[in-house]
Amino acid sequence: MAVAKLKSSEIVDKLNKVLDQGKYADPSTFAMRSILRDCEQVRAVDAAKGWSLLGCYYALLGDADQVDRCFRASQGLQDLTMACGNYHTNVTNLGFFFRAHEFYKARGNPEGGNFSTLSMIAFLSGSFETFVSYYDRAAAMNMELPVYPIEKARQVVAVLSAAGWTDEKVTKHLDAAGLVLRRHRMLFSEDAQIDVVDEPGVFQGVTCALPVKLDAEEVFELNMELAATEEELGVEKSPVFDVMFLPYDL
């Protein structure tokens, strides 16, 4: 399996370079054909890793159905932690935030063995309350904890919980942004910026800003489309939680 491990590492580097572009890849390019061939070669010697890598490949194409198919194919094989981590990341990259939250809630608990693998992207994509709950359980079990300012996380949860905002409500709101990204064949490829203000009597709220690799004028248009999409989907608007796009600092 040493060759498969080496090849897998090289493929992950290539996949991440494509993801960094922040948009759907063209499967007809030499680079993507090469990645597909590499993934299939790994699958021939290590089915678990191969299917997991293929899921990442299809995520870059925006093909959610194939991402699901690859994850299903990995079930029952070894290295399920890797498969779960990649699937959760892929679904998030495609902007299916509620689906990613449901997966994290079911698979990311400390007792299940995937907490460290899933938790950071989970918090940065809307699973705030669940993350803090799992973090505390992991701490009580003396598990290795993700490096994150936990007090800020607790503050986010406190502000949202006081206003009745659950993770389900948050991620369904984020799904509106995910739909906009998919319409434009874009990927959620950068960490969200989570800001919280907790000044009773002045303002209490959380903002989730999604960086995209567009200029300021294009981002303005994207935010206008987001507002219309939220209206279209019947998303509840509240000062306590807001979602927006912002230009990624290239």
C-alpha atoms as a PDB file:
ATOM      1  CA  MET A   1       0.000   0.000   0.000  1.00  0.00           C
ATOM      2  CA  ALA A   2       3.031   2.341   0.201  1.00  0.00           C
ATOM      3  CA  VAL A   3       2.726   3.258  -3.474  1.00  0.00           C
ATOM      4  CA  ALA A   4      -0.987   4.029  -3.046  1.00  0.00           C
ATOM      5  CA  LYS A   5      -0.240   6.293  -0.069  1.00  0.00           C
ATOM      6  CA  LEU A   6       2.421   8.209  -2.004  1.00  0.00           C
ATOM      7  CA  LYS A   7       0.164   8.538  -5.031  1.00  0.00           C
ATOM      8  CA  SER A   8      -2.765   9.633  -2.842  1.00  0.00           C
ATOM      9  CA  SER A   9      -0.715  12.449  -1.333  1.00  0.00           C
ATOM     10  CA  GLU A  10       0.267  13.687  -4.784  1.00  0.00           C
ATOM     11  CA  ILE A  11      -3.343  13.551  -5.979  1.00  0.00           C
ATOM     12  CA  VAL A  12      -4.589  15.487  -2.941  1.00  0.00           C
ATOM     13  CA  ASP A  13      -2.076  18.240  -3.729  1.00  0.00           C
ATOM     14  CA  LYS A  14      -3.354  18.404  -7.308  1.00  0.00           C
ATOM     15  CA  LEU A  15      -6.988  18.417  -6.191  1.00  0.00           C
ATOM     16  CA  ASN A  16      -6.337  21.252  -3.740  1.00  0.00           C
ATOM     17  CA  LYS A  17      -4.678  23.354  -6.439  1.00  0.00           C
ATOM     18  CA  VAL A  18      -7.796  22.998  -8.586  1.00  0.00           C
ATOM     19  CA  LEU A  19     -10.065  23.738  -5.607  1.00  0.00           C
ATOM     20  CA  ASP A  20      -8.107  26.925  -4.918  1.00  0.00           C
ATOM     21  CA  GLN A  21      -9.399  28.328  -8.203  1.00  0.00           C
ATOM     22  CA  GLY A  22     -12.861  28.470  -6.606  1.00  0.00           C
ATOM     23  CA  LYS A  23     -14.835  27.347  -9.648  1.00  0.00           C
ATOM     24  CA  TYR A  24     -15.935  24.153 -11.370  1.00  0.00           C
ATOM     25  CA  ALA A  25     -13.160  22.419 -13.265  1.00  0.00           C
ATOM     26  CA  ASP A  26     -13.332  21.373 -16.908  1.00  0.00           C
ATOM     27  CA  PRO A  27     -13.046  17.553 -17.110  1.00  0.00           C
ATOM     28  CA  SER A  28     -11.712  17.759 -20.678  1.00  0.00           C
ATOM     29  CA  THR A  29      -8.464  19.488 -19.680  1.00  0.00           C
ATOM     30  CA  PHE A  30      -5.221  17.542 -19.553  1.00  0.00           C
ATOM     31  CA  ALA A  31      -4.844  18.275 -15.822  1.00  0.00           C
ATOM     32  CA  MET A  32      -8.259  16.882 -14.899  1.00  0.00           C
ATOM     33  CA  ARG A  33      -7.916  13.850 -17.179  1.00  0.00           C
ATOM     34  CA  SER A  34      -4.586  13.147 -15.489  1.00  0.00           C
ATOM     35  CA  ILE A  35      -6.138  13.428 -12.011  1.00  0.00           C
ATOM     36  CA  LEU A  36      -8.975  11.086 -12.989  1.00  0.00           C
ATOM     37  CA  ARG A  37      -6.488   8.532 -14.287  1.00  0.00           C
ATOM     38  CA  ASP A  38      -4.449   8.785 -11.070  1.00  0.00           C
ATOM     39  CA  CYS A  39      -7.571   8.314  -8.911  1.00  0.00           C
ATOM     40  CA  GLU A  40      -8.547   5.218 -10.862  1.00  0.00           C
ATOM     41  CA  GLN A  41      -5.032   3.799 -10.493  1.00  0.00           C
ATOM     42  CA  VAL A  42      -5.221   4.248  -6.717  1.00  0.00           C
ATOM     43  CA  ARG A  43      -8.657   2.614  -6.656  1.00  0.00           C
ATOM     44  CA  ALA A  44      -7.190  -0.441  -8.376  1.00  0.00           C
ATOM     45  CA  VAL A  45      -4.825  -1.079  -5.442  1.00  0.00           C
ATOM     46  CA  ASP A  46      -6.715   0.580  -2.548  1.00  0.00           C
ATOM     47  CA  ALA A  47     -10.455   0.766  -3.155  1.00  0.00           C
ATOM     48  CA  ALA A  48     -11.230   2.879  -0.078  1.00  0.00           C
ATOM     49  CA  LYS A  49      -8.746   5.617  -0.927  1.00  0.00           C
ATOM     50  CA  GLY A  50      -9.553   5.444  -4.616  1.00  0.00           C
ATOM     51  CA  TRP A  51     -13.301   5.947  -4.189  1.00  0.00           C
ATOM     52  CA  SER A  52     -12.689   8.735  -1.687  1.00  0.00           C
ATOM     53  CA  LEU A  53     -10.342  10.548  -4.079  1.00  0.00           C
ATOM     54  CA  LEU A  54     -12.789  10.085  -6.947  1.00  0.00           C
ATOM     55  CA  GLY A  55     -15.444  11.780  -4.809  1.00  0.00           C
ATOM     56  CA  CYS A  56     -13.131  14.781  -4.458  1.00  0.00           C
ATOM     57  CA  TYR A  57     -12.526  14.783  -8.206  1.00  0.00           C
ATOM     58  CA  TYR A  58     -16.250  14.870  -8.980  1.00  0.00           C
ATOM     59  CA  ALA A  59     -16.827  17.601  -6.404  1.00  0.00           C
ATOM     60  CA  LEU A  60     -14.495  19.816  -8.438  1.00  0.00           C
ATOM     61  CA  LEU A  61     -16.753  19.226 -11.436  1.00  0.00           C
ATOM     62  CA  GLY A  62     -19.838  20.193  -9.422  1.00  0.00           C
ATOM     63  CA  ASP A  63     -21.281  16.684  -9.803  1.00  0.00           C
ATOM     64  CA  ALA A  64     -23.081  16.045  -6.502  1.00  0.00           C
ATOM     65  CA  ASP A  65     -24.640  12.781  -7.706  1.00  0.00           C
ATOM     66  CA  GLN A  66     -21.232  11.281  -8.443  1.00  0.00           C
ATOM     67  CA  VAL A  67     -19.916  12.528  -5.088  1.00  0.00           C
ATOM     68  CA  ASP A  68     -22.726  10.601  -3.381  1.00  0.00           C
ATOM     69  CA  ARG A  69     -22.078   7.526  -5.529  1.00  0.00           C
ATOM     70  CA  CYS A  70     -18.381   7.473  -4.636  1.00  0.00           C
ATOM     71  CA  PHE A  71     -19.130   7.789  -0.929  1.00  0.00           C
ATOM     72  CA  ARG A  72     -21.652   4.950  -1.075  1.00  0.00           C
ATOM     73  CA  ALA A  73     -19.056   2.809  -2.855  1.00  0.00           C
ATOM     74  CA  SER A  74     -16.584   3.449  -0.035  1.00  0.00           C
ATOM     75  CA  GLN A  75     -18.965   2.140   2.629  1.00  0.00           C
ATOM     76  CA  GLY A  76     -17.836  -1.110   4.211  1.00  0.00           C
ATOM     77  CA  LEU A  77     -14.250  -0.576   3.062  1.00  0.00           C
ATOM     78  CA  GLN A  78     -11.299   0.302   5.256  1.00  0.00           C
ATOM     79  CA  ASP A  79     -10.268   3.875   6.027  1.00  0.00           C
ATOM     80  CA  LEU A  80     -13.843   5.089   6.532  1.00  0.00           C
ATOM     81  CA  THR A  81     -12.525   8.118   8.454  1.00  0.00           C
ATOM     82  CA  MET A  82     -10.859   9.420   5.306  1.00  0.00           C
ATOM     83  CA  ALA A  83     -14.003   8.742   3.277  1.00  0.00           C
ATOM     84  CA  CYS A  84     -16.186  10.590   5.807  1.00  0.00           C
ATOM     85  CA  GLY A  85     -13.804  13.543   5.956  1.00  0.00           C
ATOM     86  CA  ASN A  86     -13.609  13.898   2.191  1.00  0.00           C
ATOM     87  CA  TYR A  87     -17.364  13.474   1.696  1.00  0.00           C
ATOM     88  CA  HIS A  88     -18.159  16.110   4.324  1.00  0.00           C
ATOM     89  CA  THR A  89     -15.681  18.496   2.703  1.00  0.00           C
ATOM     90  CA  ASN A  90     -17.030  17.787  -0.787  1.00  0.00           C
ATOM     91  CA  VAL A  91     -20.642  18.445   0.182  1.00  0.00           C
ATOM     92  CA  THR A  92     -19.588  21.680   1.875  1.00  0.00           C
ATOM     93  CA  ASN A  93     -17.506  22.765  -1.137  1.00  0.00           C
ATOM     94  CA  LEU A  94     -20.639  22.302  -3.259  1.00  0.00           C
ATOM     95  CA  GLY A  95     -22.640  24.587  -0.963  1.00  0.00           C
ATOM     96  CA  PHE A  96     -24.970  21.977   0.541  1.00  0.00           C
ATOM     97  CA  PHE A  97     -24.574  23.321   4.061  1.00  0.00           C
ATOM     98  CA  PHE A  98     -27.653  21.743   5.637  1.00  0.00           C
ATOM     99  CA  ARG A  99     -26.736  18.349   4.211  1.00  0.00           C
ATOM    100  CA  ALA A 100     -23.180  18.777   5.517  1.00  0.00           C
ATOM    101  CA  HIS A 101     -24.556  19.670   8.945  1.00  0.00           C
ATOM    102  CA  GLU A 102     -26.783  16.594   9.046  1.00  0.00           C
ATOM    103  CA  PHE A 103     -23.800  14.438   8.098  1.00  0.00           C
ATOM    104  CA  TYR A 104     -21.606  16.021  10.787  1.00  0.00           C
ATOM    105  CA  LYS A 105     -24.328  15.642  13.393  1.00  0.00           C
ATOM    106  CA  ALA A 106     -24.630  11.927  12.586  1.00  0.00           C
ATOM    107  CA  ARG A 107     -20.958  11.104  11.979  1.00  0.00           C
ATOM    108  CA  GLY A 108     -18.876  13.718  13.794  1.00  0.00           C
ATOM    109  CA  ASN A 109     -19.530  12.856  17.432  1.00  0.00           C
ATOM    110  CA  PRO A 110     -16.417  12.046  19.502  1.00  0.00           C
ATOM    111  CA  GLU A 111     -17.595   8.509  20.183  1.00  0.00           C
ATOM    112  CA  GLY A 112     -17.736   7.738  16.460  1.00  0.00           C
ATOM    113  CA  GLY A 113     -14.073   8.418  15.739  1.00  0.00           C
ATOM    114  CA  ASN A 114     -14.511  11.204  13.164  1.00  0.00           C
ATOM    115  CA  PHE A 115     -14.567  14.244  15.458  1.00  0.00           C
ATOM    116  CA  SER A 116     -11.066  15.541  14.681  1.00  0.00           C
ATOM    117  CA  THR A 117     -11.490  14.931  10.949  1.00  0.00           C
ATOM    118  CA  LEU A 118     -14.837  16.690  10.537  1.00  0.00           C
ATOM    119  CA  SER A 119     -15.013  19.383  13.184  1.00  0.00           C
ATOM    120  CA  MET A 120     -13.138  22.399  11.840  1.00  0.00           C
ATOM    121  CA  ILE A 121     -14.923  22.620   8.515  1.00  0.00           C
ATOM    122  CA  ALA A 122     -18.175  21.893  10.368  1.00  0.00           C
ATOM    123  CA  PHE A 123     -17.850  24.969  12.564  1.00  0.00           C
ATOM    124  CA  LEU A 124     -16.819  27.149   9.622  1.00  0.00           C
ATOM    125  CA  SER A 125     -19.871  26.035   7.643  1.00  0.00           C
ATOM    126  CA  GLY A 126     -22.610  26.565  10.204  1.00  0.00           C
ATOM    127  CA  SER A 127     -22.646  23.637  12.648  1.00  0.00           C
ATOM    128  CA  PHE A 128     -21.923  25.982  15.539  1.00  0.00           C
ATOM    129  CA  GLU A 129     -23.925  24.494  18.397  1.00  0.00           C
ATOM    130  CA  THR A 130     -23.120  20.912  17.437  1.00  0.00           C
ATOM    131  CA  PHE A 131     -19.409  21.712  17.225  1.00  0.00           C
ATOM    132  CA  VAL A 132     -19.326  23.165  20.750  1.00  0.00           C
ATOM    133  CA  SER A 133     -21.329  20.246  22.124  1.00  0.00           C
ATOM    134  CA  TYR A 134     -18.987  17.703  20.520  1.00  0.00           C
ATOM    135  CA  TYR A 135     -15.929  19.730  21.557  1.00  0.00           C
ATOM    136  CA  ASP A 136     -16.975  19.596  25.209  1.00  0.00           C
ATOM    137  CA  ARG A 137     -17.631  15.866  25.005  1.00  0.00           C
ATOM    138  CA  ALA A 138     -14.244  15.307  23.365  1.00  0.00           C
ATOM    139  CA  ALA A 139     -12.546  17.371  26.068  1.00  0.00           C
ATOM    140  CA  ALA A 140     -14.222  15.273  28.765  1.00  0.00           C
ATOM    141  CA  MET A 141     -12.848  12.177  27.011  1.00  0.00           C
ATOM    142  CA  ASN A 142      -9.319  13.684  26.905  1.00  0.00           C
ATOM    143  CA  MET A 143      -9.306  13.549  23.106  1.00  0.00           C
ATOM    144  CA  GLU A 144      -7.118  15.672  20.859  1.00  0.00           C
ATOM    145  CA  LEU A 145      -8.999  18.914  20.249  1.00  0.00           C
ATOM    146  CA  PRO A 146      -9.063  21.058  17.091  1.00  0.00           C
ATOM    147  CA  VAL A 147      -7.127  24.305  17.310  1.00  0.00           C
ATOM    148  CA  TYR A 148      -9.869  26.917  17.403  1.00  0.00           C
ATOM    149  CA  PRO A 149     -10.698  29.819  19.749  1.00  0.00           C
ATOM    150  CA  ILE A 150     -13.374  27.921  21.632  1.00  0.00           C
ATOM    151  CA  GLU A 151     -14.500  30.953  23.616  1.00  0.00           C
ATOM    152  CA  LYS A 152     -15.428  32.699  20.376  1.00  0.00           C
ATOM    153  CA  ALA A 153     -17.333  29.581  19.358  1.00  0.00           C
ATOM    154  CA  ARG A 154     -19.227  29.625  22.655  1.00  0.00           C
ATOM    155  CA  GLN A 155     -20.038  33.301  22.138  1.00  0.00           C
ATOM    156  CA  VAL A 156     -21.450  32.573  18.674  1.00  0.00           C
ATOM    157  CA  VAL A 157     -23.628  29.802  20.093  1.00  0.00           C
ATOM    158  CA  ALA A 158     -24.803  31.937  23.013  1.00  0.00           C
ATOM    159  CA  VAL A 159     -25.907  34.806  20.752  1.00  0.00           C
ATOM    160  CA  LEU A 160     -27.703  32.534  18.286  1.00  0.00           C
ATOM    161  CA  SER A 161     -29.300  30.297  20.922  1.00  0.00           C
ATOM    162  CA  ALA A 162     -30.692  33.283  22.815  1.00  0.00           C
ATOM    163  CA  ALA A 163     -32.531  34.293  19.635  1.00  0.00           C
ATOM    164  CA  GLY A 164     -33.758  30.762  18.898  1.00  0.00           C
ATOM    165  CA  TRP A 165     -31.356  30.072  16.038  1.00  0.00           C
ATOM    166  CA  THR A 166     -30.394  26.404  15.770  1.00  0.00           C
ATOM    167  CA  ASP A 167     -27.751  24.851  13.516  1.00  0.00           C
ATOM    168  CA  GLU A 168     -30.557  23.613  11.284  1.00  0.00           C
ATOM    169  CA  LYS A 169     -31.866  27.149  10.858  1.00  0.00           C
ATOM    170  CA  VAL A 170     -28.378  28.548  10.250  1.00  0.00           C
ATOM    171  CA  THR A 171     -27.400  25.967   7.634  1.00  0.00           C
ATOM    172  CA  LYS A 172     -30.711  26.256   5.788  1.00  0.00           C
ATOM    173  CA  HIS A 173     -29.987  29.985   5.551  1.00  0.00           C
ATOM    174  CA  LEU A 174     -26.492  29.208   4.274  1.00  0.00           C
ATOM    175  CA  ASP A 175     -28.040  26.920   1.658  1.00  0.00           C
ATOM    176  CA  ALA A 176     -29.302  30.030  -0.134  1.00  0.00           C
ATOM    177  CA  ALA A 177     -25.686  31.125  -0.594  1.00  0.00           C
ATOM    178  CA  GLY A 178     -24.808  27.604  -1.709  1.00  0.00           C
ATOM    179  CA  LEU A 179     -27.504  27.729  -4.380  1.00  0.00           C
ATOM    180  CA  VAL A 180     -26.106  31.020  -5.683  1.00  0.00           C
ATOM    181  CA  LEU A 181     -22.618  29.495  -5.858  1.00  0.00           C
ATOM    182  CA  ARG A 182     -23.886  26.495  -7.818  1.00  0.00           C
ATOM    183  CA  ARG A 183     -25.779  28.709 -10.250  1.00  0.00           C
ATOM    184  CA  HIS A 184     -22.461  30.383 -11.034  1.00  0.00           C
ATOM    185  CA  ARG A 185     -20.526  27.091 -11.073  1.00  0.00           C
ATOM    186  CA  MET A 186     -18.467  28.229  -8.122  1.00  0.00           C
ATOM    187  CA  LEU A 187     -17.113  26.280  -5.153  1.00  0.00           C
ATOM    188  CA  PHE A 188     -17.027  27.183  -1.472  1.00  0.00           C
ATOM    189  CA  SER A 189     -13.257  26.847  -1.374  1.00  0.00           C
ATOM    190  CA  GLU A 190     -12.099  29.251   1.349  1.00  0.00           C
ATOM    191  CA  ASP A 191     -12.769  29.319   5.087  1.00  0.00           C
ATOM    192  CA  ALA A 192     -15.802  31.383   6.034  1.00  0.00           C
ATOM    193  CA  GLN A 193     -15.180  34.417   8.205  1.00  0.00           C
ATOM    194  CA  ILE A 194     -17.338  34.194  11.321  1.00  0.00           C
ATOM    195  CA  ASP A 195     -17.830  37.476  13.185  1.00  0.00           C
ATOM    196  CA  VAL A 196     -19.836  37.860  16.379  1.00  0.00           C
ATOM    197  CA  VAL A 197     -20.920  41.012  18.202  1.00  0.00           C
ATOM    198  CA  ASP A 198     -22.364  40.574  21.678  1.00  0.00           C
ATOM    199  CA  GLU A 199     -23.158  43.954  23.154  1.00  0.00           C
ATOM    200  CA  PRO A 200     -26.542  43.778  24.919  1.00  0.00           C
ATOM    201  CA  GLY A 201     -28.541  46.926  24.374  1.00  0.00           C
ATOM    202  CA  VAL A 202     -26.410  47.848  21.371  1.00  0.00           C
ATOM    203  CA  PHE A 203     -26.215  44.914  18.959  1.00  0.00           C
ATOM    204  CA  GLN A 204     -26.044  41.126  19.156  1.00  0.00           C
ATOM    205  CA  GLY A 205     -25.513  39.133  16.003  1.00  0.00           C
ATOM    206  CA  VAL A 206     -23.372  36.759  13.970  1.00  0.00           C
ATOM    207  CA  THR A 207     -22.195  37.297  10.396  1.00  0.00           C
ATOM    208  CA  CYS A 208     -20.972  34.485   8.175  1.00  0.00           C
ATOM    209  CA  ALA A 209     -18.987  35.892   5.241  1.00  0.00           C
ATOM    210  CA  LEU A 210     -18.091  33.557   2.372  1.00  0.00           C
ATOM    211  CA  PRO A 211     -14.973  34.629   0.431  1.00  0.00           C
ATOM    212  CA  VAL A 212     -15.218  34.289  -3.352  1.00  0.00           C
ATOM    213  CA  LYS A 213     -12.588  34.985  -5.986  1.00  0.00           C
ATOM    214  CA  LEU A 214     -14.391  37.838  -7.701  1.00  0.00           C
ATOM    215  CA  ASP A 215     -13.839  41.577  -7.788  1.00  0.00           C
ATOM    216  CA  ALA A 216     -15.829  43.975  -5.608  1.00  0.00           C
ATOM    217  CA  GLU A 217     -18.395  44.820  -8.298  1.00  0.00           C
ATOM    218  CA  GLU A 218     -19.058  41.147  -9.056  1.00  0.00           C
ATOM    219  CA  VAL A 219     -19.400  40.389  -5.345  1.00  0.00           C
ATOM    220  CA  PHE A 220     -21.940  43.203  -5.013  1.00  0.00           C
ATOM    221  CA  GLU A 221     -24.014  41.615  -7.788  1.00  0.00           C
ATOM    222  CA  LEU A 222     -23.658  38.215  -6.116  1.00  0.00           C
ATOM    223  CA  ASN A 223     -24.952  39.629  -2.826  1.00  0.00           C
ATOM    224  CA  MET A 224     -27.914  41.179  -4.628  1.00  0.00           C
ATOM    225  CA  GLU A 225     -28.670  37.754  -6.109  1.00  0.00           C
ATOM    226  CA  LEU A 226     -28.289  36.197  -2.657  1.00  0.00           C
ATOM    227  CA  ALA A 227     -30.900  38.567  -1.227  1.00  0.00           C
ATOM    228  CA  ALA A 228     -33.306  37.649  -4.031  1.00  0.00           C
ATOM    229  CA  THR A 229     -32.607  33.932  -3.520  1.00  0.00           C
ATOM    230  CA  GLU A 230     -33.282  34.197   0.214  1.00  0.00           C
ATOM    231  CA  GLU A 231     -36.629  35.773  -0.656  1.00  0.00           C
ATOM    232  CA  GLU A 232     -37.301  33.063  -3.233  1.00  0.00           C
ATOM    233  CA  LEU A 233     -36.574  30.282  -0.712  1.00  0.00           C
ATOM    234  CA  GLY A 234     -38.499  31.929   2.115  1.00  0.00           C
ATOM    235  CA  VAL A 235     -35.417  32.272   4.307  1.00  0.00           C
ATOM    236  CA  GLU A 236     -36.161  33.969   7.604  1.00  0.00           C
ATOM    237  CA  LYS A 237     -34.212  37.229   7.814  1.00  0.00           C
ATOM    238  CA  SER A 238     -33.011  38.448  11.171  1.00  0.00           C
ATOM    239  CA  PRO A 239     -30.320  40.834  12.438  1.00  0.00           C
ATOM    240  CA  VAL A 240     -29.042  38.028  14.667  1.00  0.00           C
ATOM    241  CA  PHE A 241     -27.655  36.031  11.727  1.00  0.00           C
ATOM    242  CA  ASP A 242     -26.570  37.214   8.308  1.00  0.00           C
ATOM    243  CA  VAL A 243     -24.809  35.628   5.354  1.00  0.00           C
ATOM    244  CA  MET A 244     -22.861  37.521   2.734  1.00  0.00           C
ATOM    245  CA  PHE A 245     -20.194  37.104   0.078  1.00  0.00           C
ATOM    246  CA  LEU A 246     -17.003  39.113   0.180  1.00  0.00           C
ATOM    247  CA  PRO A 247     -14.051  39.395  -2.205  1.00  0.00           C
ATOM    248  CA  TYR A 248     -11.249  36.972  -1.457  1.00  0.00           C
ATOM    249  CA  ASP A 249      -7.943  38.791  -1.053  1.00  0.00           C
ATOM    250  CA  LEU A 250      -6.057  37.508  -4.062  1.00  0.00           C
END
